[in-house]
PDB file of N, CA and C in Angstrom:
ATOM      1  N   MET A   1      69.260  78.781  96.127  1.00  0.00           N
ATOM      2  CA  MET A   1      69.219  78.539  94.712  1.00  0.00           C
ATOM      3  C   MET A   1      69.613  79.798  93.948  1.00  0.00           C
ATOM      4  N   VAL A   2      69.108  80.950  94.379  1.00  0.00           N
ATOM      5  CA  VAL A   2      69.397  82.218  93.696  1.00  0.00           C
ATOM      6  C   VAL A   2      70.896  82.491  93.687  1.00  0.00           C
ATOM      7  N   LYS A   3      71.563  82.179  94.776  1.00  0.00           N
ATOM      8  CA  LYS A   3      73.005  82.419  94.853  1.00  0.00           C
ATOM      9  C   LYS A   3      73.811  81.412  94.037  1.00  0.00           C
ATOM     10  N   LEU A   4      73.288  80.219  93.858  1.00  0.00           N
ATOM     11  CA  LEU A   4      74.001  79.198  93.092  1.00  0.00           C
ATOM     12  C   LEU A   4      73.831  79.350  91.582  1.00  0.00           C
ATOM     13  N   MET A   5      72.729  79.909  91.145  1.00  0.00           N
ATOM     14  CA  MET A   5      72.437  79.987  89.711  1.00  0.00           C
ATOM     15  C   MET A   5      73.557  80.636  88.895  1.00  0.00           C
ATOM     16  N   PRO A   6      74.119  81.778  89.323  1.00  0.00           N
ATOM     17  CA  PRO A   6      75.190  82.380  88.525  1.00  0.00           C
ATOM     18  C   PRO A   6      76.409  81.469  88.351  1.00  0.00           C
ATOM     19  N   LEU A   7      76.654  80.588  89.315  1.00  0.00           N
ATOM     20  CA  LEU A   7      77.775  79.656  89.204  1.00  0.00           C
ATOM     21  C   LEU A   7      77.597  78.685  88.035  1.00  0.00           C
ATOM     22  N   PHE A   8      76.336  78.515  87.624  1.00  0.00           N
ATOM     23  CA  PHE A   8      76.029  77.609  86.525  1.00  0.00           C
ATOM     24  C   PHE A   8      75.602  78.369  85.267  1.00  0.00           C
ATOM     25  N   GLY A   9      75.939  79.672  85.229  1.00  0.00           N
ATOM     26  CA  GLY A   9      75.647  80.478  84.050  1.00  0.00           C
ATOM     27  C   GLY A   9      74.194  80.880  83.895  1.00  0.00           C
ATOM     28  N   LYS A  10      73.429  80.844  84.965  1.00  0.00           N
ATOM     29  CA  LYS A  10      72.010  81.207  84.927  1.00  0.00           C
ATOM     30  C   LYS A  10      71.796  82.536  85.643  1.00  0.00           C
ATOM     31  N   ASP A  11      70.951  83.381  85.077  1.00  0.00           N
ATOM     32  CA  ASP A  11      70.621  84.665  85.675  1.00  0.00           C
ATOM     33  C   ASP A  11      69.335  84.530  86.475  1.00  0.00           C
ATOM     34  N   PRO A  12      69.396  84.639  87.810  1.00  0.00           N
ATOM     35  CA  PRO A  12      68.182  84.476  88.611  1.00  0.00           C
ATOM     36  C   PRO A  12      67.148  85.579  88.385  1.00  0.00           C
ATOM     37  N   ARG A  13      67.536  86.664  87.717  1.00  0.00           N
ATOM     38  CA  ARG A  13      66.579  87.742  87.442  1.00  0.00           C
ATOM     39  C   ARG A  13      65.828  87.518  86.133  1.00  0.00           C
ATOM     40  N   LYS A  14      66.229  86.506  85.386  1.00  0.00           N
ATOM     41  CA  LYS A  14      65.572  86.180  84.109  1.00  0.00           C
ATOM     42  C   LYS A  14      65.341  84.681  84.053  1.00  0.00           C
ATOM     43  N   PHE A  15      64.319  84.270  84.775  1.00  0.00           N
ATOM     44  CA  PHE A  15      64.025  82.849  84.915  1.00  0.00           C
ATOM     45  C   PHE A  15      62.717  82.523  84.203  1.00  0.00           C
ATOM     46  N   GLY A  16      62.545  81.287  83.824  1.00  0.00           N
ATOM     47  CA  GLY A  16      61.315  80.830  83.207  1.00  0.00           C
ATOM     48  C   GLY A  16      61.386  80.841  81.697  1.00  0.00           C
ATOM     49  N   LYS A  17      60.378  80.257  81.096  1.00  0.00           N
ATOM     50  CA  LYS A  17      60.307  80.138  79.633  1.00  0.00           C
ATOM     51  C   LYS A  17      60.426  81.498  78.953  1.00  0.00           C
ATOM     52  N   ASN A  18      59.780  82.500  79.511  1.00  0.00           N
ATOM     53  CA  ASN A  18      59.792  83.842  78.919  1.00  0.00           C
ATOM     54  C   ASN A  18      60.848  84.756  79.537  1.00  0.00           C
ATOM     55  N   GLN A  19      61.633  84.207  80.446  1.00  0.00           N
ATOM     56  CA  GLN A  19      62.676  84.988  81.122  1.00  0.00           C
ATOM     57  C   GLN A  19      62.088  86.204  81.853  1.00  0.00           C
ATOM     58  N   ASP A  20      60.872  86.075  82.338  1.00  0.00           N
ATOM     59  CA  ASP A  20      60.184  87.208  82.963  1.00  0.00           C
ATOM     60  C   ASP A  20      59.964  87.033  84.467  1.00  0.00           C
ATOM     61  N   ILE A  21      60.635  86.070  85.052  1.00  0.00           N
ATOM     62  CA  ILE A  21      60.493  85.848  86.490  1.00  0.00           C
ATOM     63  C   ILE A  21      61.800  86.255  87.166  1.00  0.00           C
ATOM     64  N   ASP A  22      61.695  87.136  88.145  1.00  0.00           N
ATOM     65  CA  ASP A  22      62.857  87.616  88.880  1.00  0.00           C
ATOM     66  C   ASP A  22      62.933  86.881  90.217  1.00  0.00           C
ATOM     67  N   LEU A  23      63.662  85.768  90.227  1.00  0.00           N
ATOM     68  CA  LEU A  23      63.778  84.970  91.445  1.00  0.00           C
ATOM     69  C   LEU A  23      64.499  85.717  92.560  1.00  0.00           C
ATOM     70  N   ALA A  24      65.427  86.603  92.192  1.00  0.00           N
ATOM     71  CA  ALA A  24      66.153  87.378  93.204  1.00  0.00           C
ATOM     72  C   ALA A  24      65.186  88.291  93.960  1.00  0.00           C
ATOM     73  N   ALA A  25      64.282  88.942  93.261  1.00  0.00           N
ATOM     74  CA  ALA A  25      63.299  89.815  93.916  1.00  0.00           C
ATOM     75  C   ALA A  25      62.334  89.003  94.769  1.00  0.00           C
ATOM     76  N   ILE A  26      61.928  87.854  94.279  1.00  0.00           N
ATOM     77  CA  ILE A  26      61.015  86.999  95.043  1.00  0.00           C
ATOM     78  C   ILE A  26      61.694  86.519  96.316  1.00  0.00           C
ATOM     79  N   ALA A  27      62.970  86.157  96.221  1.00  0.00           N
ATOM     80  CA  ALA A  27      63.702  85.646  97.383  1.00  0.00           C
ATOM     81  C   ALA A  27      63.836  86.687  98.488  1.00  0.00           C
ATOM     82  N   LYS A  28      63.779  87.954  98.142  1.00  0.00           N
ATOM     83  CA  LYS A  28      63.903  89.016  99.142  1.00  0.00           C
ATOM     84  C   LYS A  28      62.613  89.230  99.931  1.00  0.00           C
ATOM     85  N   GLN A  29      61.494  88.727  99.424  1.00  0.00           N
ATOM     86  CA  GLN A  29      60.208  88.905 100.092  1.00  0.00           C
ATOM     87  C   GLN A  29      60.084  87.939 101.259  1.00  0.00           C
ATOM     88  N   HIS A  30      59.417  88.380 102.292  1.00  0.00           N
ATOM     89  CA  HIS A  30      59.157  87.499 103.425  1.00  0.00           C
ATOM     90  C   HIS A  30      57.720  86.985 103.331  1.00  0.00           C
ATOM     91  N   PHE A  31      57.599  85.693 103.270  1.00  0.00           N
ATOM     92  CA  PHE A  31      56.295  85.057 103.274  1.00  0.00           C
ATOM     93  C   PHE A  31      56.235  84.156 104.496  1.00  0.00           C
ATOM     94  N   PRO A  32      55.199  84.285 105.312  1.00  0.00           N
ATOM     95  CA  PRO A  32      55.126  83.406 106.484  1.00  0.00           C
ATOM     96  C   PRO A  32      54.954  81.957 106.034  1.00  0.00           C
ATOM     97  N   VAL A  33      55.673  81.069 106.663  1.00  0.00           N
ATOM     98  CA  VAL A  33      55.599  79.647 106.340  1.00  0.00           C
ATOM     99  C   VAL A  33      54.720  78.979 107.379  1.00  0.00           C
ATOM    100  N   ASN A  34      53.657  78.334 106.923  1.00  0.00           N
ATOM    101  CA  ASN A  34      52.760  77.629 107.824  1.00  0.00           C
ATOM    102  C   ASN A  34      52.931  76.121 107.744  1.00  0.00           C
ATOM    103  N   ALA A  35      53.541  75.662 106.659  1.00  0.00           N
ATOM    104  CA  ALA A  35      53.799  74.231 106.519  1.00  0.00           C
ATOM    105  C   ALA A  35      55.097  74.039 105.746  1.00  0.00           C
ATOM    106  N   ARG A  36      55.900  73.103 106.213  1.00  0.00           N
ATOM    107  CA  ARG A  36      57.149  72.745 105.544  1.00  0.00           C
ATOM    108  C   ARG A  36      57.117  71.223 105.410  1.00  0.00           C
ATOM    109  N   ILE A  37      56.972  70.764 104.175  1.00  0.00           N
ATOM    110  CA  ILE A  37      56.781  69.341 103.913  1.00  0.00           C
ATOM    111  C   ILE A  37      58.031  68.750 103.274  1.00  0.00           C
ATOM    112  N   ASN A  38      58.576  67.708 103.889  1.00  0.00           N
ATOM    113  CA  ASN A  38      59.721  66.997 103.335  1.00  0.00           C
ATOM    114  C   ASN A  38      59.172  65.912 102.411  1.00  0.00           C
ATOM    115  N   TYR A  39      59.510  65.996 101.134  1.00  0.00           N
ATOM    116  CA  TYR A  39      58.976  65.035 100.165  1.00  0.00           C
ATOM    117  C   TYR A  39      60.046  64.072  99.637  1.00  0.00           C
ATOM    118  N   ARG A  40      61.216  64.031 100.265  1.00  0.00           N
ATOM    119  CA  ARG A  40      62.315  63.215  99.758  1.00  0.00           C
ATOM    120  C   ARG A  40      61.907  61.759  99.506  1.00  0.00           C
ATOM    121  N   VAL A  41      61.124  61.163 100.397  1.00  0.00           N
ATOM    122  CA  VAL A  41      60.766  59.745 100.245  1.00  0.00           C
ATOM    123  C   VAL A  41      59.832  59.498  99.066  1.00  0.00           C
ATOM    124  N   VAL A  42      59.175  60.546  98.560  1.00  0.00           N
ATOM    125  CA  VAL A  42      58.265  60.389  97.425  1.00  0.00           C
ATOM    126  C   VAL A  42      58.664  61.265  96.245  1.00  0.00           C
ATOM    127  N   ALA A  43      59.930  61.684  96.200  1.00  0.00           N
ATOM    128  CA  ALA A  43      60.389  62.607  95.156  1.00  0.00           C
ATOM    129  C   ALA A  43      60.152  62.059  93.748  1.00  0.00           C
ATOM    130  N   ASP A  44      60.411  60.784  93.522  1.00  0.00           N
ATOM    131  CA  ASP A  44      60.226  60.207  92.191  1.00  0.00           C
ATOM    132  C   ASP A  44      58.753  60.211  91.781  1.00  0.00           C
ATOM    133  N   VAL A  45      57.875  59.877  92.717  1.00  0.00           N
ATOM    134  CA  VAL A  45      56.436  59.881  92.441  1.00  0.00           C
ATOM    135  C   VAL A  45      55.967  61.305  92.174  1.00  0.00           C
ATOM    136  N   ARG A  46      56.462  62.252  92.961  1.00  0.00           N
ATOM    137  CA  ARG A  46      56.112  63.670  92.799  1.00  0.00           C
ATOM    138  C   ARG A  46      56.512  64.172  91.415  1.00  0.00           C
ATOM    139  N   GLU A  47      57.728  63.850  90.991  1.00  0.00           N
ATOM    140  CA  GLU A  47      58.197  64.284  89.673  1.00  0.00           C
ATOM    141  C   GLU A  47      57.394  63.628  88.557  1.00  0.00           C
ATOM    142  N   ALA A  48      57.059  62.350  88.705  1.00  0.00           N
ATOM    143  CA  ALA A  48      56.263  61.657  87.688  1.00  0.00           C
ATOM    144  C   ALA A  48      54.870  62.270  87.581  1.00  0.00           C
ATOM    145  N   ALA A  49      54.277  62.625  88.717  1.00  0.00           N
ATOM    146  CA  ALA A  49      52.953  63.249  88.702  1.00  0.00           C
ATOM    147  C   ALA A  49      53.005  64.622  88.043  1.00  0.00           C
ATOM    148  N   ALA A  50      54.024  65.415  88.374  1.00  0.00           N
ATOM    149  CA  ALA A  50      54.162  66.748  87.782  1.00  0.00           C
ATOM    150  C   ALA A  50      54.349  66.651  86.276  1.00  0.00           C
ATOM    151  N   ALA A  51      55.038  65.608  85.816  1.00  0.00           N
ATOM    152  CA  ALA A  51      55.283  65.435  84.384  1.00  0.00           C
ATOM    153  C   ALA A  51      53.997  65.171  83.606  1.00  0.00           C
ATOM    154  N   CYS A  52      52.925  64.818  84.291  1.00  0.00           N
ATOM    155  CA  CYS A  52      51.638  64.560  83.634  1.00  0.00           C
ATOM    156  C   CYS A  52      50.853  65.840  83.376  1.00  0.00           C
ATOM    157  N   HIS A  53      51.307  66.963  83.894  1.00  0.00           N
ATOM    158  CA  HIS A  53      50.562  68.217  83.807  1.00  0.00           C
ATOM    159  C   HIS A  53      51.344  69.267  83.027  1.00  0.00           C
ATOM    160  N   ALA A  54      50.734  69.825  82.003  1.00  0.00           N
ATOM    161  CA  ALA A  54      51.401  70.823  81.168  1.00  0.00           C
ATOM    162  C   ALA A  54      51.883  72.020  81.982  1.00  0.00           C
ATOM    163  N   SER A  55      51.112  72.432  82.975  1.00  0.00           N
ATOM    164  CA  SER A  55      51.502  73.597  83.771  1.00  0.00           C
ATOM    165  C   SER A  55      52.750  73.330  84.617  1.00  0.00           C
ATOM    166  N   GLN A  56      53.104  72.077  84.780  1.00  0.00           N
ATOM    167  CA  GLN A  56      54.281  71.710  85.560  1.00  0.00           C
ATOM    168  C   GLN A  56      55.426  71.239  84.654  1.00  0.00           C
ATOM    169  N   GLY A  57      55.309  71.539  83.365  1.00  0.00           N
ATOM    170  CA  GLY A  57      56.355  71.138  82.433  1.00  0.00           C
ATOM    171  C   GLY A  57      56.088  69.815  81.762  1.00  0.00           C
ATOM    172  N   GLY A  58      54.934  69.214  82.004  1.00  0.00           N
ATOM    173  CA  GLY A  58      54.595  67.937  81.389  1.00  0.00           C
ATOM    174  C   GLY A  58      54.487  68.064  79.882  1.00  0.00           C
ATOM    175  N   GLY A  59      54.760  66.981  79.195  1.00  0.00           N
ATOM    176  CA  GLY A  59      54.702  66.989  77.740  1.00  0.00           C
ATOM    177  C   GLY A  59      56.016  67.418  77.115  1.00  0.00           C
ATOM    178  N   GLN A  60      56.913  67.978  77.884  1.00  0.00           N
ATOM    179  CA  GLN A  60      58.229  68.338  77.387  1.00  0.00           C
ATOM    180  C   GLN A  60      59.174  67.196  77.708  1.00  0.00           C
ATOM    181  N   GLN A  61      60.237  67.116  76.947  1.00  0.00           N
ATOM    182  CA  GLN A  61      61.229  66.107  77.265  1.00  0.00           C
ATOM    183  C   GLN A  61      61.823  66.451  78.626  1.00  0.00           C
ATOM    184  N   GLN A  62      61.711  65.540  79.542  1.00  0.00           N
ATOM    185  CA  GLN A  62      62.190  65.794  80.893  1.00  0.00           C
ATOM    186  C   GLN A  62      63.678  65.474  80.978  1.00  0.00           C
ATOM    187  N   ARG A  63      64.453  66.444  81.419  1.00  0.00           N
ATOM    188  CA  ARG A  63      65.869  66.211  81.672  1.00  0.00           C
ATOM    189  C   ARG A  63      66.234  66.960  82.941  1.00  0.00           C
ATOM    190  N   LYS A  64      67.128  66.396  83.671  1.00  0.00           N
ATOM    191  CA  LYS A  64      67.543  67.029  84.914  1.00  0.00           C
ATOM    192  C   LYS A  64      68.751  67.890  84.649  1.00  0.00           C
ATOM    193  N   GLY A  65      68.573  69.187  84.842  1.00  0.00           N
ATOM    194  CA  GLY A  65      69.692  70.103  84.741  1.00  0.00           C
ATOM    195  C   GLY A  65      70.499  70.061  86.019  1.00  0.00           C
ATOM    196  N   ILE A  66      71.654  70.656  85.983  1.00  0.00           N
ATOM    197  CA  ILE A  66      72.530  70.654  87.153  1.00  0.00           C
ATOM    198  C   ILE A  66      71.854  71.307  88.352  1.00  0.00           C
ATOM    199  N   MET A  67      71.030  72.347  88.116  1.00  0.00           N
ATOM    200  CA  MET A  67      70.341  73.007  89.234  1.00  0.00           C
ATOM    201  C   MET A  67      69.361  72.042  89.891  1.00  0.00           C
ATOM    202  N   SER A  68      68.660  71.227  89.104  1.00  0.00           N
ATOM    203  CA  SER A  68      67.732  70.251  89.677  1.00  0.00           C
ATOM    204  C   SER A  68      68.467  69.240  90.538  1.00  0.00           C
ATOM    205  N   VAL A  69      69.607  68.803  90.055  1.00  0.00           N
ATOM    206  CA  VAL A  69      70.393  67.829  90.797  1.00  0.00           C
ATOM    207  C   VAL A  69      70.879  68.438  92.109  1.00  0.00           C
ATOM    208  N   VAL A  70      71.415  69.656  92.047  1.00  0.00           N
ATOM    209  CA  VAL A  70      71.912  70.324  93.258  1.00  0.00           C
ATOM    210  C   VAL A  70      70.778  70.520  94.256  1.00  0.00           C
ATOM    211  N   LEU A  71      69.639  71.002  93.776  1.00  0.00           N
ATOM    212  CA  LEU A  71      68.504  71.222  94.687  1.00  0.00           C
ATOM    213  C   LEU A  71      67.998  69.912  95.263  1.00  0.00           C
ATOM    214  N   GLY A  72      68.003  68.856  94.468  1.00  0.00           N
ATOM    215  CA  GLY A  72      67.566  67.552  94.955  1.00  0.00           C
ATOM    216  C   GLY A  72      68.451  67.010  96.057  1.00  0.00           C
ATOM    217  N   ILE A  73      69.735  67.335  95.983  1.00  0.00           N
ATOM    218  CA  ILE A  73      70.674  66.871  96.999  1.00  0.00           C
ATOM    219  C   ILE A  73      70.489  67.648  98.301  1.00  0.00           C
ATOM    220  N   PHE A  74      70.346  68.970  98.191  1.00  0.00           N
ATOM    221  CA  PHE A  74      70.336  69.814  99.380  1.00  0.00           C
ATOM    222  C   PHE A  74      68.950  70.125  99.926  1.00  0.00           C
ATOM    223  N   SER A  75      67.932  69.958  99.126  1.00  0.00           N
ATOM    224  CA  SER A  75      66.606  70.341  99.595  1.00  0.00           C
ATOM    225  C   SER A  75      65.552  69.418  99.005  1.00  0.00           C
ATOM    226  N   ALA A  76      64.722  68.913  99.838  1.00  0.00           N
ATOM    227  CA  ALA A  76      63.589  68.123  99.388  1.00  0.00           C
ATOM    228  C   ALA A  76      62.387  68.557 100.223  1.00  0.00           C
ATOM    229  N   LYS A  77      62.219  69.875 100.305  1.00  0.00           N
ATOM    230  CA  LYS A  77      61.133  70.429 101.106  1.00  0.00           C
ATOM    231  C   LYS A  77      60.387  71.475 100.296  1.00  0.00           C
ATOM    232  N   GLU A  78      59.102  71.529 100.531  1.00  0.00           N
ATOM    233  CA  GLU A  78      58.286  72.602  99.971  1.00  0.00           C
ATOM    234  C   GLU A  78      57.665  73.344 101.132  1.00  0.00           C
ATOM    235  N   GLU A  79      57.536  74.654 100.960  1.00  0.00           N
ATOM    236  CA  GLU A  79      56.950  75.481 102.009  1.00  0.00           C
ATOM    237  C   GLU A  79      55.640  76.074 101.506  1.00  0.00           C
ATOM    238  N   TYR A  80      54.677  76.148 102.409  1.00  0.00           N
ATOM    239  CA  TYR A  80      53.349  76.630 102.062  1.00  0.00           C
ATOM    240  C   TYR A  80      52.907  77.715 103.030  1.00  0.00           C
ATOM    241  N   MET A  81      52.118  78.642 102.505  1.00  0.00           N
ATOM    242  CA  MET A  81      51.552  79.717 103.304  1.00  0.00           C
ATOM    243  C   MET A  81      50.032  79.544 103.275  1.00  0.00           C
ATOM    244  N   ARG A  82      49.419  79.485 104.433  1.00  0.00           N
ATOM    245  CA  ARG A  82      47.973  79.287 104.526  1.00  0.00           C
ATOM    246  C   ARG A  82      47.255  80.631 104.493  1.00  0.00           C
ATOM    247  N   ALA A  83      46.176  80.683 103.741  1.00  0.00           N
ATOM    248  CA  ALA A  83      45.375  81.905 103.666  1.00  0.00           C
ATOM    249  C   ALA A  83      44.160  81.821 104.592  1.00  0.00           C
ATOM    250  N   ILE A  84      43.478  80.660 104.588  1.00  0.00           N
ATOM    251  CA  ILE A  84      42.257  80.504 105.378  1.00  0.00           C
ATOM    252  C   ILE A  84      42.325  79.163 106.096  1.00  0.00           C
ATOM    253  N   PRO A  85      42.113  79.131 107.387  1.00  0.00           N
ATOM    254  CA  PRO A  85      41.971  80.262 108.292  1.00  0.00           C
ATOM    255  C   PRO A  85      43.318  80.966 108.461  1.00  0.00           C
ATOM    256  N   ALA A  86      43.251  82.235 108.759  1.00  0.00           N
ATOM    257  CA  ALA A  86      44.475  83.018 108.929  1.00  0.00           C
ATOM    258  C   ALA A  86      45.325  82.412 110.040  1.00  0.00           C
ATOM    259  N   PRO A  87      46.625  82.338 109.823  1.00  0.00           N
ATOM    260  CA  PRO A  87      47.493  81.781 110.868  1.00  0.00           C
ATOM    261  C   PRO A  87      47.510  82.660 112.111  1.00  0.00           C
ATOM    262  N   ARG A  88      47.667  82.016 113.242  1.00  0.00           N
ATOM    263  CA  ARG A  88      47.764  82.739 114.513  1.00  0.00           C
ATOM    264  C   ARG A  88      49.236  83.046 114.795  1.00  0.00           C
ATOM    265  N   PRO A  89      49.522  84.114 115.515  1.00  0.00           N
ATOM    266  CA  PRO A  89      50.912  84.430 115.870  1.00  0.00           C
ATOM    267  C   PRO A  89      51.571  83.261 116.604  1.00  0.00           C
ATOM    268  N   ARG A  90      52.812  82.980 116.272  1.00  0.00           N
ATOM    269  CA  ARG A  90      53.613  81.923 116.900  1.00  0.00           C
ATOM    270  C   ARG A  90      53.010  80.533 116.746  1.00  0.00           C
ATOM    271  N   GLU A  91      52.165  80.351 115.767  1.00  0.00           N
ATOM    272  CA  GLU A  91      51.592  79.028 115.501  1.00  0.00           C
ATOM    273  C   GLU A  91      52.695  78.114 114.967  1.00  0.00           C
ATOM    274  N   ARG A  92      52.668  76.864 115.363  1.00  0.00           N
ATOM    275  CA  ARG A  92      53.715  75.941 114.925  1.00  0.00           C
ATOM    276  C   ARG A  92      53.626  75.689 113.421  1.00  0.00           C
ATOM    277  N   VAL A  93      54.758  75.383 112.834  1.00  0.00           N
ATOM    278  CA  VAL A  93      54.828  75.081 111.406  1.00  0.00           C
ATOM    279  C   VAL A  93      54.483  73.611 111.215  1.00  0.00           C
ATOM    280  N   GLU A  94      53.499  73.346 110.369  1.00  0.00           N
ATOM    281  CA  GLU A  94      53.079  71.971 110.081  1.00  0.00           C
ATOM    282  C   GLU A  94      54.175  71.226 109.329  1.00  0.00           C
ATOM    283  N   SER A  95      54.262  69.932 109.542  1.00  0.00           N
ATOM    284  CA  SER A  95      55.188  69.109 108.771  1.00  0.00           C
ATOM    285  C   SER A  95      54.462  67.956 108.096  1.00  0.00           C
ATOM    286  N   ASP A  96      53.160  67.839 108.365  1.00  0.00           N
ATOM    287  CA  ASP A  96      52.348  66.770 107.794  1.00  0.00           C
ATOM    288  C   ASP A  96      50.920  67.281 107.651  1.00  0.00           C
ATOM    289  N   PHE A  97      50.472  67.419 106.420  1.00  0.00           N
ATOM    290  CA  PHE A  97      49.129  67.946 106.182  1.00  0.00           C
ATOM    291  C   PHE A  97      48.043  67.032 106.745  1.00  0.00           C
ATOM    292  N   PHE A  98      48.334  65.763 106.914  1.00  0.00           N
ATOM    293  CA  PHE A  98      47.312  64.801 107.301  1.00  0.00           C
ATOM    294  C   PHE A  98      47.461  64.302 108.743  1.00  0.00           C
ATOM    295  N   ARG A  99      48.266  64.980 109.526  1.00  0.00           N
ATOM    296  CA  ARG A  99      48.531  64.559 110.913  1.00  0.00           C
ATOM    297  C   ARG A  99      47.254  64.416 111.732  1.00  0.00           C
ATOM    298  N   ASP A 100      46.324  65.332 111.606  1.00  0.00           N
ATOM    299  CA  ASP A 100      45.109  65.315 112.431  1.00  0.00           C
ATOM    300  C   ASP A 100      43.916  64.667 111.753  1.00  0.00           C
ATOM    301  N   VAL A 101      44.135  64.084 110.582  1.00  0.00           N
ATOM    302  CA  VAL A 101      43.035  63.440 109.854  1.00  0.00           C
ATOM    303  C   VAL A 101      42.833  62.043 110.414  1.00  0.00           C
ATOM    304  N   VAL A 102      41.590  61.745 110.753  1.00  0.00           N
ATOM    305  CA  VAL A 102      41.270  60.434 111.324  1.00  0.00           C
ATOM    306  C   VAL A 102      40.681  59.542 110.258  1.00  0.00           C
TER     307      VAL A 102
END
């Protein structure tokens, strides 16, 4: 995404409502991934739920910018880093949070 933004006239170093988020610097950081969830089958429900919350942009007129469309085509995954319990070395990456729930 950081590499594509300039192609659409967006500066990845000045992102967000206040232009105070540096996505390029964040992208350079390494964060261990403990879960990678594919949400493509529920993308519409996910977006509708996020629209209900002000912290997720809810209450604003929702429009899909070109970056949203591009990201929706190429990526429908979210990655998570677990804090507790601490991940073990070489632990497998989860793909379903509810796999072991009975």
